[in-house]
N, C-alpha and C. Protein backbone atom coordinates (compact mmCIF):
# COMPACT_ATOMS: atom_id res chain seq x y z
N MET A 1 73.89 222.47 427.52
CA MET A 1 73.04 221.51 427.78
C MET A 1 71.98 222.11 427.35
N TYR A 2 70.77 221.33 427.16
CA TYR A 2 69.23 221.84 426.64
C TYR A 2 68.67 221.84 428.04
N ASP A 3 67.90 222.70 428.11
CA ASP A 3 67.09 223.29 429.25
C ASP A 3 65.49 222.88 429.00
N HIS A 4 64.74 222.00 429.58
CA HIS A 4 63.46 221.39 428.95
C HIS A 4 62.61 222.47 429.44
N HIS A 5 63.01 223.64 430.18
CA HIS A 5 61.87 224.66 430.44
C HIS A 5 61.85 226.00 429.60
N GLN A 6 63.02 225.64 428.75
CA GLN A 6 63.42 226.96 428.10
C GLN A 6 62.04 227.15 426.80
N GLN A 7 61.98 228.45 426.51
CA GLN A 7 60.89 228.56 425.30
C GLN A 7 61.57 228.30 424.22
N PRO A 8 61.03 227.86 423.00
CA PRO A 8 61.84 227.89 421.83
C PRO A 8 61.68 228.88 421.05
N ASP A 9 62.75 229.39 420.21
CA ASP A 9 62.76 230.77 419.68
C ASP A 9 61.70 231.24 418.78
N LEU A 10 60.60 230.84 418.24
CA LEU A 10 59.33 230.71 417.71
C LEU A 10 58.43 229.99 418.19
N VAL A 11 57.64 230.64 418.87
CA VAL A 11 56.44 230.76 419.40
C VAL A 11 55.13 231.25 419.34
N ARG A 12 53.85 231.07 419.17
CA ARG A 12 52.68 231.77 419.22
C ARG A 12 52.65 232.46 420.45
N PRO A 13 52.95 233.84 420.64
CA PRO A 13 52.85 234.59 421.62
C PRO A 13 51.37 234.54 421.84
N ARG A 14 50.98 234.79 423.39
CA ARG A 14 49.56 234.68 424.11
C ARG A 14 49.00 236.35 423.90
N ASP A 15 49.75 237.09 423.64
CA ASP A 15 49.12 238.45 423.67
C ASP A 15 49.57 239.03 422.17
N GLY A 16 48.37 240.01 421.64
CA GLY A 16 48.75 240.30 420.31
C GLY A 16 48.58 239.44 419.00
N ARG A 17 47.72 238.49 419.50
CA ARG A 17 47.24 237.48 418.25
C ARG A 17 46.20 238.39 417.99
N VAL A 18 45.88 237.93 416.34
CA VAL A 18 44.55 238.58 415.60
C VAL A 18 43.86 237.29 415.30
N LEU A 19 44.83 236.23 415.02
CA LEU A 19 43.94 234.65 414.25
C LEU A 19 44.48 233.95 415.50
N ALA A 20 45.58 233.55 415.16
CA ALA A 20 46.31 232.44 415.56
C ALA A 20 47.84 232.86 416.38
N GLY A 21 48.22 233.59 416.07
CA GLY A 21 49.71 234.24 416.73
C GLY A 21 50.77 233.81 415.86
N VAL A 22 50.27 233.36 414.51
CA VAL A 22 51.33 233.05 413.55
C VAL A 22 52.13 234.20 413.42
N CYS A 23 51.50 235.26 412.69
CA CYS A 23 52.57 236.36 412.10
C CYS A 23 53.06 237.24 413.38
N ALA A 24 52.66 236.94 414.06
CA ALA A 24 53.00 237.94 415.69
C ALA A 24 54.10 237.05 416.13
N GLY A 25 54.29 235.80 416.33
CA GLY A 25 55.45 235.11 416.54
C GLY A 25 56.47 234.98 415.34
N LEU A 26 56.21 235.15 414.09
CA LEU A 26 56.99 235.34 413.32
C LEU A 26 58.09 236.50 413.23
N GLY A 27 57.00 237.78 413.66
CA GLY A 27 57.50 239.02 413.79
C GLY A 27 58.64 239.09 414.53
N ARG A 28 57.71 238.28 416.31
CA ARG A 28 58.67 238.21 417.21
C ARG A 28 60.08 237.81 417.14
N ARG A 29 60.00 236.86 416.63
CA ARG A 29 61.35 235.98 416.32
C ARG A 29 62.23 236.90 415.22
N PHE A 30 61.85 237.33 414.56
CA PHE A 30 62.68 238.19 413.33
C PHE A 30 63.03 239.41 413.62
N GLY A 31 62.42 240.27 414.90
CA GLY A 31 62.50 241.52 415.31
C GLY A 31 61.71 242.49 414.28
N LEU A 32 60.44 242.21 414.23
CA LEU A 32 59.51 243.10 413.28
C LEU A 32 58.31 243.23 413.91
N ASP A 33 57.68 244.43 413.97
CA ASP A 33 56.49 244.72 414.34
C ASP A 33 55.49 243.74 414.07
N PRO A 34 54.55 243.31 414.55
CA PRO A 34 53.57 242.24 414.15
C PRO A 34 52.90 242.78 413.01
N TRP A 35 52.37 243.62 412.95
CA TRP A 35 51.58 244.41 411.72
C TRP A 35 52.37 244.26 410.68
N ALA A 36 53.95 244.67 410.63
CA ALA A 36 54.59 244.38 409.52
C ALA A 36 54.91 243.00 409.21
N ALA A 37 55.00 242.02 409.92
CA ALA A 37 55.20 240.79 410.07
C ALA A 37 53.95 240.04 409.25
N ARG A 38 52.57 240.84 409.42
CA ARG A 38 51.19 240.29 408.50
C ARG A 38 51.08 240.50 407.19
N ALA A 39 51.84 242.06 407.08
CA ALA A 39 51.97 242.44 405.71
C ALA A 39 52.90 241.62 404.92
N LEU A 40 53.71 241.79 405.40
CA LEU A 40 55.09 240.95 404.47
C LEU A 40 54.43 239.67 404.44
N PHE A 41 53.96 239.05 405.18
CA PHE A 41 53.51 237.27 405.14
C PHE A 41 52.26 237.45 404.24
N VAL A 42 51.44 238.52 404.04
CA VAL A 42 50.35 238.68 402.69
C VAL A 42 50.90 239.04 401.61
N LEU A 43 51.84 239.66 401.45
CA LEU A 43 52.72 240.21 400.38
C LEU A 43 53.45 238.93 399.70
N VAL A 44 54.28 238.37 400.39
CA VAL A 44 55.10 237.00 400.17
C VAL A 44 53.93 236.13 399.66
N LEU A 45 53.08 235.89 400.47
CA LEU A 45 51.93 234.97 399.75
C LEU A 45 50.91 235.22 398.55
N MET A 46 51.21 236.33 398.10
CA MET A 46 50.44 236.75 397.14
C MET A 46 51.18 236.04 396.05
N VAL A 47 52.66 235.74 396.04
CA VAL A 47 53.37 235.66 394.90
C VAL A 47 52.59 233.90 394.48
N LEU A 48 52.12 233.28 395.25
CA LEU A 48 51.16 231.76 395.13
C LEU A 48 50.00 232.04 395.18
N PRO A 49 48.97 232.62 394.75
CA PRO A 49 47.81 233.06 395.28
C PRO A 49 47.09 231.90 395.83
N GLY A 50 46.33 231.68 396.68
CA GLY A 50 45.58 230.38 397.85
C GLY A 50 46.47 229.93 398.24
N SER A 51 48.07 230.45 398.25
CA SER A 51 49.07 229.53 399.43
C SER A 51 48.66 229.61 400.84
N GLN A 52 48.00 231.04 401.14
CA GLN A 52 47.82 231.09 402.59
C GLN A 52 46.91 230.00 403.19
N LEU A 53 46.09 229.74 402.44
CA LEU A 53 44.76 228.60 402.68
C LEU A 53 45.76 227.54 403.16
N LEU A 54 47.08 227.29 402.64
CA LEU A 54 47.64 225.69 402.90
C LEU A 54 48.40 226.18 404.26
N VAL A 55 49.53 227.15 403.79
CA VAL A 55 50.58 227.55 404.80
C VAL A 55 50.55 227.98 406.33
N TYR A 56 49.13 229.00 406.18
CA TYR A 56 49.11 229.56 407.38
C TYR A 56 48.77 228.29 408.39
N PRO A 57 47.79 227.38 408.09
CA PRO A 57 47.32 226.19 408.76
C PRO A 57 48.39 225.14 409.20
N ILE A 58 49.38 225.09 408.15
CA ILE A 58 50.65 224.24 408.65
C ILE A 58 51.46 224.82 409.79
N LEU A 59 51.44 226.49 409.37
CA LEU A 59 52.36 226.82 410.65
C LEU A 59 51.91 227.32 411.71
N TRP A 60 50.34 227.41 411.68
CA TRP A 60 49.33 227.24 413.18
C TRP A 60 49.67 225.93 414.02
N ILE A 61 50.07 225.03 413.28
CA ILE A 61 50.28 223.81 413.93
C ILE A 61 51.74 223.44 414.27
N ALA A 62 52.01 223.85 413.18
CA ALA A 62 54.06 223.79 413.54
C ALA A 62 54.55 224.46 414.63
N ILE A 63 54.03 225.58 414.66
CA ILE A 63 54.62 226.92 415.96
C ILE A 63 54.25 226.42 417.02
N PRO A 64 54.60 226.04 418.27
CA PRO A 64 53.93 225.76 419.32
C PRO A 64 53.43 227.39 420.06
N ASN A 65 52.59 227.16 420.85
CA ASN A 65 52.12 228.08 421.72
C ASN A 65 52.67 228.41 422.40
N GLU A 66 52.97 229.85 422.94
CA GLU A 66 53.95 230.14 424.38
C GLU A 66 53.14 229.84 425.67
N GLN A 67 54.32 229.18 426.32
CA GLN A 67 53.73 228.75 427.62
C GLN A 67 53.77 229.94 428.36
N PRO A 68 52.97 229.73 429.39
CA PRO A 68 52.83 230.82 430.56
C PRO A 68 54.06 231.19 431.48
N ARG A 69 54.16 232.20 431.63
CA ARG A 69 55.43 232.30 432.42
C ARG A 69 55.38 232.02 433.91
N ALA A 70 56.13 231.03 434.56
CA ALA A 70 55.82 230.86 435.95
C ALA A 70 56.12 232.16 436.74
N THR A 71 55.05 232.33 437.65
CA THR A 71 55.17 233.39 438.64
C THR A 71 55.62 232.82 439.83
N TRP A 72 56.09 233.31 440.65
CA TRP A 72 56.30 232.99 441.96
C TRP A 72 55.39 233.46 443.00
N ILE A 73 54.84 232.51 443.41
CA ILE A 73 53.93 232.87 444.86
C ILE A 73 54.40 232.44 446.13
N PRO A 74 54.22 233.40 446.54
CA PRO A 74 55.05 233.34 448.12
C PRO A 74 54.35 232.15 448.87
N SER A 75 54.74 231.00 449.62
CA SER A 75 54.05 230.06 450.43
C SER A 75 53.76 230.62 451.39
N ALA A 76 52.67 230.11 452.30
CA ALA A 76 52.02 230.37 453.43
C ALA A 76 53.25 230.45 454.58
N GLN A 77 52.64 231.34 455.88
CA GLN A 77 53.49 231.13 456.75
C GLN A 77 53.66 229.70 457.46
N PRO A 78 54.60 228.86 457.72
CA PRO A 78 54.37 227.34 458.54
C PRO A 78 53.82 228.13 459.75
N PRO A 79 53.17 226.84 460.15
CA PRO A 79 52.45 227.08 461.47
C PRO A 79 53.13 227.21 462.63
N ALA A 80 52.76 227.93 463.54
CA ALA A 80 53.49 228.50 464.76
C ALA A 80 54.05 227.26 465.85
N ALA A 81 55.08 227.11 466.26
CA ALA A 81 55.48 225.84 466.89
C ALA A 81 54.81 225.60 468.24
N ALA A 82 54.18 224.54 468.50
CA ALA A 82 53.01 224.70 469.91
C ALA A 82 54.50 224.53 470.93
N HIS A 83 53.71 224.95 472.09
CA HIS A 83 54.31 225.15 473.29
C HIS A 83 54.28 224.01 474.09
């Protein structure tokens, strides 16, 4: 069953970003260090010069932003019962 609150496998993380988090997200998804993912991204895109101007913005739009983790905040104590 699909959980609507589950993060997708490929997201742009909130931490470790340099520009938009595209390479950090790709690195996290494929088990690479973010800097290794950035270097690989640049090397791959050097095959088609100028393609980074097209590919990076498309990935920026296509890869969802990481949602903040829900934190549990204890609720206030209920008021004491009136005597």
